[in-house]
């Protein structure tokens, strides 16, 4: 079996807005069951309403991705409701305006790495038994252009944590292919989302106009999720024409 349909159960982190929400809405058009996780319950409820309206079936599971118990509880609810996870999209992320050696704090560094890397690994580790049982499935780690090509202004913690996702995905592919599991390290360039507010200098409307939209990134995620069972997309870079 391949492709998103009513038999697939997609778990998305960072589903309350931006790229995570866009992926949920794109998947809803295929009738998939979609578990929505993120820190803001109200935003997740809005995503769920849109998912249901687009033909999907939503389950709202608020959590802080840095909380191991919350991830375990959310997974237990998915298992009880739908029997487990068949596909995983990791779209939660964090950065901070102070992102250089001269001004970063170790507290921010640890929070960013925990959100972008440790929480992603924990969600993969939690979902893998389901994917093995299912006999197929994808892990799509929404990473960053800064993970594919060093970007000096993306931040010490952000660049390091996102770059590490490439190794995480490679290890999944090396060790889980026998179970039909595929991982994609997805590296978007500049995307016009609320995440831009965390930059030291927030882009203006003119700069945002030429960026990718969350819908553009969602289309790439759906391309991966709907790929044939014998196809693995190890890494995918998508950037706006204006990316430098």
C-alpha atoms as a PDB file:
ATOM      1  CA  UNK A   1       0.000   0.000   0.000  1.00  0.00           C
ATOM      2  CA  UNK A   2       1.236   3.457  -0.770  1.00  0.00           C
ATOM      3  CA  UNK A   3      -0.152   6.959  -0.774  1.00  0.00           C
ATOM      4  CA  UNK A   4      -2.397   8.770   1.628  1.00  0.00           C
ATOM      5  CA  UNK A   5      -5.947   7.493   1.994  1.00  0.00           C
ATOM      6  CA  UNK A   6      -8.504   6.720   4.693  1.00  0.00           C
ATOM      7  CA  UNK A   7      -6.358   3.798   5.928  1.00  0.00           C
ATOM      8  CA  UNK A   8      -3.364   6.003   6.716  1.00  0.00           C
ATOM      9  CA  UNK A   9      -2.831   7.651  10.091  1.00  0.00           C
ATOM     10  CA  UNK A  10      -0.614  10.713   9.845  1.00  0.00           C
ATOM     11  CA  UNK A  11       0.847  12.278  13.010  1.00  0.00           C
ATOM     12  CA  UNK A  12       1.999  15.870  12.554  1.00  0.00           C
ATOM     13  CA  UNK A  13       3.924  17.959  15.059  1.00  0.00           C
ATOM     14  CA  UNK A  14       3.763  21.737  14.759  1.00  0.00           C
ATOM     15  CA  UNK A  15       0.265  21.353  13.302  1.00  0.00           C
ATOM     16  CA  UNK A  16      -1.200  24.540  14.787  1.00  0.00           C
ATOM     17  CA  UNK A  17       0.079  26.876  12.090  1.00  0.00           C
ATOM     18  CA  UNK A  18       2.444  27.373   9.179  1.00  0.00           C
ATOM     19  CA  UNK A  19       3.854  24.361   7.403  1.00  0.00           C
ATOM     20  CA  UNK A  20       2.389  21.832   9.838  1.00  0.00           C
ATOM     21  CA  UNK A  21      -1.127  23.141   9.298  1.00  0.00           C
ATOM     22  CA  UNK A  22      -0.628  23.281   5.532  1.00  0.00           C
ATOM     23  CA  UNK A  23       0.488  19.639   5.484  1.00  0.00           C
ATOM     24  CA  UNK A  24      -2.576  18.646   7.509  1.00  0.00           C
ATOM     25  CA  UNK A  25      -4.927  20.392   5.100  1.00  0.00           C
ATOM     26  CA  UNK A  26      -3.204  18.908   2.058  1.00  0.00           C
ATOM     27  CA  UNK A  27      -3.427  15.410   3.551  1.00  0.00           C
ATOM     28  CA  UNK A  28      -7.067  15.950   4.467  1.00  0.00           C
ATOM     29  CA  UNK A  29      -7.883  16.142   0.773  1.00  0.00           C
ATOM     30  CA  UNK A  30      -6.854  12.491   0.522  1.00  0.00           C
ATOM     31  CA  UNK A  31      -9.201  11.464   3.332  1.00  0.00           C
ATOM     32  CA  UNK A  32      -6.416  10.587   5.749  1.00  0.00           C
ATOM     33  CA  UNK A  33      -6.759  10.357   9.500  1.00  0.00           C
ATOM     34  CA  UNK A  34      -4.591  13.103  10.967  1.00  0.00           C
ATOM     35  CA  UNK A  35      -3.330  13.455  14.536  1.00  0.00           C
ATOM     36  CA  UNK A  36      -2.510  17.091  15.231  1.00  0.00           C
ATOM     37  CA  UNK A  37       0.096  17.992  17.841  1.00  0.00           C
ATOM     38  CA  UNK A  38       1.511  21.318  18.957  1.00  0.00           C
ATOM     39  CA  UNK A  39       1.684  23.570  21.987  1.00  0.00           C
ATOM     40  CA  UNK A  40      -1.404  25.726  21.308  1.00  0.00           C
ATOM     41  CA  UNK A  41      -4.683  23.867  21.801  1.00  0.00           C
ATOM     42  CA  UNK A  42      -6.776  26.658  20.307  1.00  0.00           C
ATOM     43  CA  UNK A  43      -4.698  26.763  17.119  1.00  0.00           C
ATOM     44  CA  UNK A  44      -4.874  22.976  16.818  1.00  0.00           C
ATOM     45  CA  UNK A  45      -8.650  23.138  17.141  1.00  0.00           C
ATOM     46  CA  UNK A  46      -8.742  25.586  14.228  1.00  0.00           C
ATOM     47  CA  UNK A  47      -6.603  23.233  12.146  1.00  0.00           C
ATOM     48  CA  UNK A  48      -8.866  20.320  13.077  1.00  0.00           C
ATOM     49  CA  UNK A  49     -11.964  22.201  11.944  1.00  0.00           C
ATOM     50  CA  UNK A  50     -10.331  22.899   8.586  1.00  0.00           C
ATOM     51  CA  UNK A  51      -9.152  19.287   8.252  1.00  0.00           C
ATOM     52  CA  UNK A  52     -12.642  17.964   8.872  1.00  0.00           C
ATOM     53  CA  UNK A  53     -14.045  20.434   6.356  1.00  0.00           C
ATOM     54  CA  UNK A  54     -11.516  19.320   3.736  1.00  0.00           C
ATOM     55  CA  UNK A  55     -12.483  15.655   3.962  1.00  0.00           C
ATOM     56  CA  UNK A  56     -10.039  14.367   6.536  1.00  0.00           C
ATOM     57  CA  UNK A  57     -10.530  13.147  10.096  1.00  0.00           C
ATOM     58  CA  UNK A  58      -8.707  15.019  12.851  1.00  0.00           C
ATOM     59  CA  UNK A  59      -7.603  14.166  16.375  1.00  0.00           C
ATOM     60  CA  UNK A  60      -6.333  17.079  18.487  1.00  0.00           C
ATOM     61  CA  UNK A  61      -3.419  16.187  20.764  1.00  0.00           C
ATOM     62  CA  UNK A  62      -1.858  19.303  22.350  1.00  0.00           C
ATOM     63  CA  UNK A  63       1.654  18.787  23.681  1.00  0.00           C
ATOM     64  CA  UNK A  64       4.994  20.428  24.256  1.00  0.00           C
ATOM     65  CA  UNK A  65       7.394  18.446  22.071  1.00  0.00           C
ATOM     66  CA  UNK A  66      10.037  18.783  24.794  1.00  0.00           C
ATOM     67  CA  UNK A  67       7.903  16.748  27.228  1.00  0.00           C
ATOM     68  CA  UNK A  68       8.523  12.980  26.861  1.00  0.00           C
ATOM     69  CA  UNK A  69       5.423  12.066  28.879  1.00  0.00           C
ATOM     70  CA  UNK A  70       3.226  14.254  26.676  1.00  0.00           C
ATOM     71  CA  UNK A  71       4.523  12.528  23.535  1.00  0.00           C
ATOM     72  CA  UNK A  72       3.852   9.116  25.060  1.00  0.00           C
ATOM     73  CA  UNK A  73       0.333  10.118  26.134  1.00  0.00           C
ATOM     74  CA  UNK A  74      -0.462  11.517  22.676  1.00  0.00           C
ATOM     75  CA  UNK A  75       0.724   8.341  21.009  1.00  0.00           C
ATOM     76  CA  UNK A  76      -1.391   6.257  23.379  1.00  0.00           C
ATOM     77  CA  UNK A  77      -4.452   8.269  22.335  1.00  0.00           C
ATOM     78  CA  UNK A  78      -3.671   7.685  18.663  1.00  0.00           C
ATOM     79  CA  UNK A  79      -3.299   3.958  19.310  1.00  0.00           C
ATOM     80  CA  UNK A  80      -6.603   3.823  21.187  1.00  0.00           C
ATOM     81  CA  UNK A  81      -8.456   5.843  18.565  1.00  0.00           C
ATOM     82  CA  UNK A  82      -6.993   4.572  15.300  1.00  0.00           C
ATOM     83  CA  UNK A  83      -4.708   1.678  16.168  1.00  0.00           C
ATOM     84  CA  UNK A  84      -1.385   3.445  15.641  1.00  0.00           C
ATOM     85  CA  UNK A  85       0.617   5.671  13.335  1.00  0.00           C
ATOM     86  CA  UNK A  86       1.452   4.922   9.697  1.00  0.00           C
ATOM     87  CA  UNK A  87       3.235   8.177   8.772  1.00  0.00           C
ATOM     88  CA  UNK A  88       4.991  10.919  10.723  1.00  0.00           C
ATOM     89  CA  UNK A  89       5.645  14.545   9.758  1.00  0.00           C
ATOM     90  CA  UNK A  90       7.866  16.539  12.106  1.00  0.00           C
ATOM     91  CA  UNK A  91       7.134  20.225  11.571  1.00  0.00           C
ATOM     92  CA  UNK A  92       7.673  21.653  15.065  1.00  0.00           C
ATOM     93  CA  UNK A  93      10.606  24.026  15.323  1.00  0.00           C
ATOM     94  CA  UNK A  94      12.170  26.719  17.461  1.00  0.00           C
ATOM     95  CA  UNK A  95      14.726  29.483  17.073  1.00  0.00           C
ATOM     96  CA  UNK A  96      15.590  32.706  18.907  1.00  0.00           C
ATOM     97  CA  UNK A  97      16.577  36.227  17.779  1.00  0.00           C
ATOM     98  CA  UNK A  98      19.849  35.976  19.755  1.00  0.00           C
ATOM     99  CA  UNK A  99      21.584  33.344  17.634  1.00  0.00           C
ATOM    100  CA  UNK A 100      25.313  34.163  17.556  1.00  0.00           C
ATOM    101  CA  UNK A 101      28.150  33.131  19.844  1.00  0.00           C
ATOM    102  CA  UNK A 102      28.308  36.747  21.007  1.00  0.00           C
ATOM    103  CA  UNK A 103      24.727  36.927  22.239  1.00  0.00           C
ATOM    104  CA  UNK A 104      23.160  33.450  22.510  1.00  0.00           C
ATOM    105  CA  UNK A 105      22.194  32.018  25.896  1.00  0.00           C
ATOM    106  CA  UNK A 106      22.730  28.392  26.817  1.00  0.00           C
ATOM    107  CA  UNK A 107      19.124  28.224  28.005  1.00  0.00           C
ATOM    108  CA  UNK A 108      17.941  29.166  24.508  1.00  0.00           C
ATOM    109  CA  UNK A 109      20.473  26.817  22.937  1.00  0.00           C
ATOM    110  CA  UNK A 110      19.189  23.865  24.938  1.00  0.00           C
ATOM    111  CA  UNK A 111      15.535  24.702  24.259  1.00  0.00           C
ATOM    112  CA  UNK A 112      16.172  24.955  20.508  1.00  0.00           C
ATOM    113  CA  UNK A 113      18.136  21.709  20.318  1.00  0.00           C
ATOM    114  CA  UNK A 114      15.579  19.899  22.470  1.00  0.00           C
ATOM    115  CA  UNK A 115      12.713  21.067  20.255  1.00  0.00           C
ATOM    116  CA  UNK A 116      14.350  20.669  16.864  1.00  0.00           C
ATOM    117  CA  UNK A 117      16.359  17.509  17.465  1.00  0.00           C
ATOM    118  CA  UNK A 118      15.664  15.607  20.684  1.00  0.00           C
ATOM    119  CA  UNK A 119      11.877  15.891  20.411  1.00  0.00           C
ATOM    120  CA  UNK A 120      12.008  14.826  16.758  1.00  0.00           C
ATOM    121  CA  UNK A 121      14.065  11.765  17.661  1.00  0.00           C
ATOM    122  CA  UNK A 122      11.688  10.937  20.497  1.00  0.00           C
ATOM    123  CA  UNK A 123       8.643  11.129  18.217  1.00  0.00           C
ATOM    124  CA  UNK A 124      10.357   8.883  15.661  1.00  0.00           C
ATOM    125  CA  UNK A 125      11.312   6.413  18.381  1.00  0.00           C
ATOM    126  CA  UNK A 126       7.734   6.429  19.670  1.00  0.00           C
ATOM    127  CA  UNK A 127       6.140   5.902  16.253  1.00  0.00           C
ATOM    128  CA  UNK A 128       8.583   3.354  14.772  1.00  0.00           C
ATOM    129  CA  UNK A 129       6.983   0.253  16.312  1.00  0.00           C
ATOM    130  CA  UNK A 130       3.686   1.241  14.657  1.00  0.00           C
ATOM    131  CA  UNK A 131       5.379   1.826  11.309  1.00  0.00           C
ATOM    132  CA  UNK A 132       7.099  -1.557  11.548  1.00  0.00           C
ATOM    133  CA  UNK A 133       3.796  -3.255  12.305  1.00  0.00           C
ATOM    134  CA  UNK A 134       2.156  -1.392   9.445  1.00  0.00           C
ATOM    135  CA  UNK A 135       4.854  -2.641   7.108  1.00  0.00           C
ATOM    136  CA  UNK A 136       5.398   0.697   5.436  1.00  0.00           C
ATOM    137  CA  UNK A 137       5.334   4.383   6.174  1.00  0.00           C
ATOM    138  CA  UNK A 138       7.215   7.635   6.021  1.00  0.00           C
ATOM    139  CA  UNK A 139       9.055   9.891   8.394  1.00  0.00           C
ATOM    140  CA  UNK A 140       9.298  13.403   6.956  1.00  0.00           C
ATOM    141  CA  UNK A 141      11.516  15.704   8.998  1.00  0.00           C
ATOM    142  CA  UNK A 142      10.821  19.312   8.031  1.00  0.00           C
ATOM    143  CA  UNK A 143      14.323  20.646   8.462  1.00  0.00           C
ATOM    144  CA  UNK A 144      15.827  23.750   6.858  1.00  0.00           C
ATOM    145  CA  UNK A 145      17.848  25.084   3.968  1.00  0.00           C
ATOM    146  CA  UNK A 146      20.353  25.913   6.718  1.00  0.00           C
ATOM    147  CA  UNK A 147      20.796  22.173   7.262  1.00  0.00           C
ATOM    148  CA  UNK A 148      21.638  21.601   3.601  1.00  0.00           C
ATOM    149  CA  UNK A 149      23.867  24.621   3.054  1.00  0.00           C
ATOM    150  CA  UNK A 150      25.468  26.446   5.957  1.00  0.00           C
ATOM    151  CA  UNK A 151      23.687  29.731   6.649  1.00  0.00           C
ATOM    152  CA  UNK A 152      25.684  31.871   9.080  1.00  0.00           C
ATOM    153  CA  UNK A 153      22.700  33.922  10.241  1.00  0.00           C
ATOM    154  CA  UNK A 154      20.403  30.997  11.053  1.00  0.00           C
ATOM    155  CA  UNK A 155      21.885  30.554  14.518  1.00  0.00           C
ATOM    156  CA  UNK A 156      24.353  28.250  16.210  1.00  0.00           C
ATOM    157  CA  UNK A 157      21.701  26.080  17.837  1.00  0.00           C
ATOM    158  CA  UNK A 158      19.257  26.110  14.927  1.00  0.00           C
ATOM    159  CA  UNK A 159      21.831  25.207  12.264  1.00  0.00           C
ATOM    160  CA  UNK A 160      23.357  22.453  14.374  1.00  0.00           C
ATOM    161  CA  UNK A 161      20.039  20.907  15.400  1.00  0.00           C
ATOM    162  CA  UNK A 162      18.589  20.976  11.884  1.00  0.00           C
ATOM    163  CA  UNK A 163      21.772  19.628  10.288  1.00  0.00           C
ATOM    164  CA  UNK A 164      21.680  16.701  12.695  1.00  0.00           C
ATOM    165  CA  UNK A 165      18.285  15.685  11.289  1.00  0.00           C
ATOM    166  CA  UNK A 166      20.055  14.617   8.097  1.00  0.00           C
ATOM    167  CA  UNK A 167      21.919  11.949  10.065  1.00  0.00           C
ATOM    168  CA  UNK A 168      18.763  10.938  11.902  1.00  0.00           C
ATOM    169  CA  UNK A 169      16.914  10.379   8.629  1.00  0.00           C
ATOM    170  CA  UNK A 170      19.878   8.522   7.126  1.00  0.00           C
ATOM    171  CA  UNK A 171      19.990   6.184  10.122  1.00  0.00           C
ATOM    172  CA  UNK A 172      16.276   5.428   9.781  1.00  0.00           C
ATOM    173  CA  UNK A 173      16.767   4.622   6.103  1.00  0.00           C
ATOM    174  CA  UNK A 174      19.793   2.433   6.768  1.00  0.00           C
ATOM    175  CA  UNK A 175      18.182   0.460   9.584  1.00  0.00           C
ATOM    176  CA  UNK A 176      14.441   0.368   8.830  1.00  0.00           C
ATOM    177  CA  UNK A 177      14.246  -0.200   5.058  1.00  0.00           C
ATOM    178  CA  UNK A 178      13.564  -3.888   5.661  1.00  0.00           C
ATOM    179  CA  UNK A 179      10.279  -2.832   7.271  1.00  0.00           C
ATOM    180  CA  UNK A 180       9.321  -0.638   4.336  1.00  0.00           C
ATOM    181  CA  UNK A 181      10.000   2.546   6.306  1.00  0.00           C
ATOM    182  CA  UNK A 182      11.410   5.608   4.521  1.00  0.00           C
ATOM    183  CA  UNK A 183      12.680   8.890   5.962  1.00  0.00           C
ATOM    184  CA  UNK A 184      13.029  12.172   4.107  1.00  0.00           C
ATOM    185  CA  UNK A 185      15.149  15.103   5.231  1.00  0.00           C
ATOM    186  CA  UNK A 186      13.106  17.989   3.795  1.00  0.00           C
ATOM    187  CA  UNK A 187      14.986  21.287   3.600  1.00  0.00           C
ATOM    188  CA  UNK A 188      12.846  24.330   2.777  1.00  0.00           C
ATOM    189  CA  UNK A 189      14.381  27.713   2.107  1.00  0.00           C
ATOM    190  CA  UNK A 190      12.715  30.927   3.229  1.00  0.00           C
ATOM    191  CA  UNK A 191       9.036  30.354   3.996  1.00  0.00           C
ATOM    192  CA  UNK A 192       6.526  33.075   4.818  1.00  0.00           C
ATOM    193  CA  UNK A 193       5.262  31.963   8.226  1.00  0.00           C
ATOM    194  CA  UNK A 194       4.960  33.369  11.737  1.00  0.00           C
ATOM    195  CA  UNK A 195       8.373  31.758  12.412  1.00  0.00           C
ATOM    196  CA  UNK A 196       9.977  34.776  10.720  1.00  0.00           C
ATOM    197  CA  UNK A 197       9.129  36.829  13.813  1.00  0.00           C
ATOM    198  CA  UNK A 198      12.019  35.057  15.553  1.00  0.00           C
ATOM    199  CA  UNK A 199      14.641  36.546  13.239  1.00  0.00           C
ATOM    200  CA  UNK A 200      16.909  39.337  14.521  1.00  0.00           C
ATOM    201  CA  UNK A 201      15.520  41.487  11.699  1.00  0.00           C
ATOM    202  CA  UNK A 202      11.975  40.532  10.761  1.00  0.00           C
ATOM    203  CA  UNK A 203      11.444  40.505   6.957  1.00  0.00           C
ATOM    204  CA  UNK A 204       9.067  43.096   5.556  1.00  0.00           C
ATOM    205  CA  UNK A 205       6.146  42.485   3.196  1.00  0.00           C
ATOM    206  CA  UNK A 206       8.293  42.882   0.087  1.00  0.00           C
ATOM    207  CA  UNK A 207      10.768  40.244   1.284  1.00  0.00           C
ATOM    208  CA  UNK A 208       7.963  37.857   2.233  1.00  0.00           C
ATOM    209  CA  UNK A 209       6.320  38.225  -1.168  1.00  0.00           C
ATOM    210  CA  UNK A 210       9.068  36.234  -2.913  1.00  0.00           C
ATOM    211  CA  UNK A 211       9.362  33.503  -0.271  1.00  0.00           C
ATOM    212  CA  UNK A 212       7.832  30.045  -0.364  1.00  0.00           C
ATOM    213  CA  UNK A 213       4.370  29.656   1.103  1.00  0.00           C
ATOM    214  CA  UNK A 214       3.449  26.907   3.571  1.00  0.00           C
ATOM    215  CA  UNK A 215       1.317  25.427   0.788  1.00  0.00           C
ATOM    216  CA  UNK A 216       4.437  25.065  -1.383  1.00  0.00           C
ATOM    217  CA  UNK A 217       6.147  23.076   1.358  1.00  0.00           C
ATOM    218  CA  UNK A 218       3.022  20.993   1.978  1.00  0.00           C
ATOM    219  CA  UNK A 219       2.960  20.023  -1.701  1.00  0.00           C
ATOM    220  CA  UNK A 220       6.519  18.721  -1.337  1.00  0.00           C
ATOM    221  CA  UNK A 221       5.581  16.728   1.763  1.00  0.00           C
ATOM    222  CA  UNK A 222       2.613  15.199  -0.070  1.00  0.00           C
ATOM    223  CA  UNK A 223       4.906  14.330  -2.978  1.00  0.00           C
ATOM    224  CA  UNK A 224       7.016  12.327  -0.532  1.00  0.00           C
ATOM    225  CA  UNK A 225       4.076  10.726   1.258  1.00  0.00           C
ATOM    226  CA  UNK A 226       2.468   9.670  -2.025  1.00  0.00           C
ATOM    227  CA  UNK A 227       5.616   8.212  -3.563  1.00  0.00           C
ATOM    228  CA  UNK A 228       5.475   4.551  -4.682  1.00  0.00           C
ATOM    229  CA  UNK A 229       6.390   1.923  -2.104  1.00  0.00           C
ATOM    230  CA  UNK A 230       9.697   1.114  -3.830  1.00  0.00           C
ATOM    231  CA  UNK A 231      10.779   4.791  -3.927  1.00  0.00           C
ATOM    232  CA  UNK A 232      12.665   6.550  -1.149  1.00  0.00           C
ATOM    233  CA  UNK A 233      13.327  10.286  -1.236  1.00  0.00           C
ATOM    234  CA  UNK A 234      16.287  10.613   1.107  1.00  0.00           C
ATOM    235  CA  UNK A 235      16.589  14.390   0.968  1.00  0.00           C
ATOM    236  CA  UNK A 236      14.577  17.090  -0.744  1.00  0.00           C
ATOM    237  CA  UNK A 237      15.560  20.773  -0.945  1.00  0.00           C
ATOM    238  CA  UNK A 238      12.911  23.318  -1.938  1.00  0.00           C
ATOM    239  CA  UNK A 239      13.718  27.002  -2.115  1.00  0.00           C
ATOM    240  CA  UNK A 240      12.306  30.174  -3.599  1.00  0.00           C
ATOM    241  CA  UNK A 241      13.913  31.542  -6.728  1.00  0.00           C
ATOM    242  CA  UNK A 242      15.174  34.470  -4.629  1.00  0.00           C
ATOM    243  CA  UNK A 243      17.074  32.260  -2.133  1.00  0.00           C
ATOM    244  CA  UNK A 244      20.675  33.345  -1.613  1.00  0.00           C
END
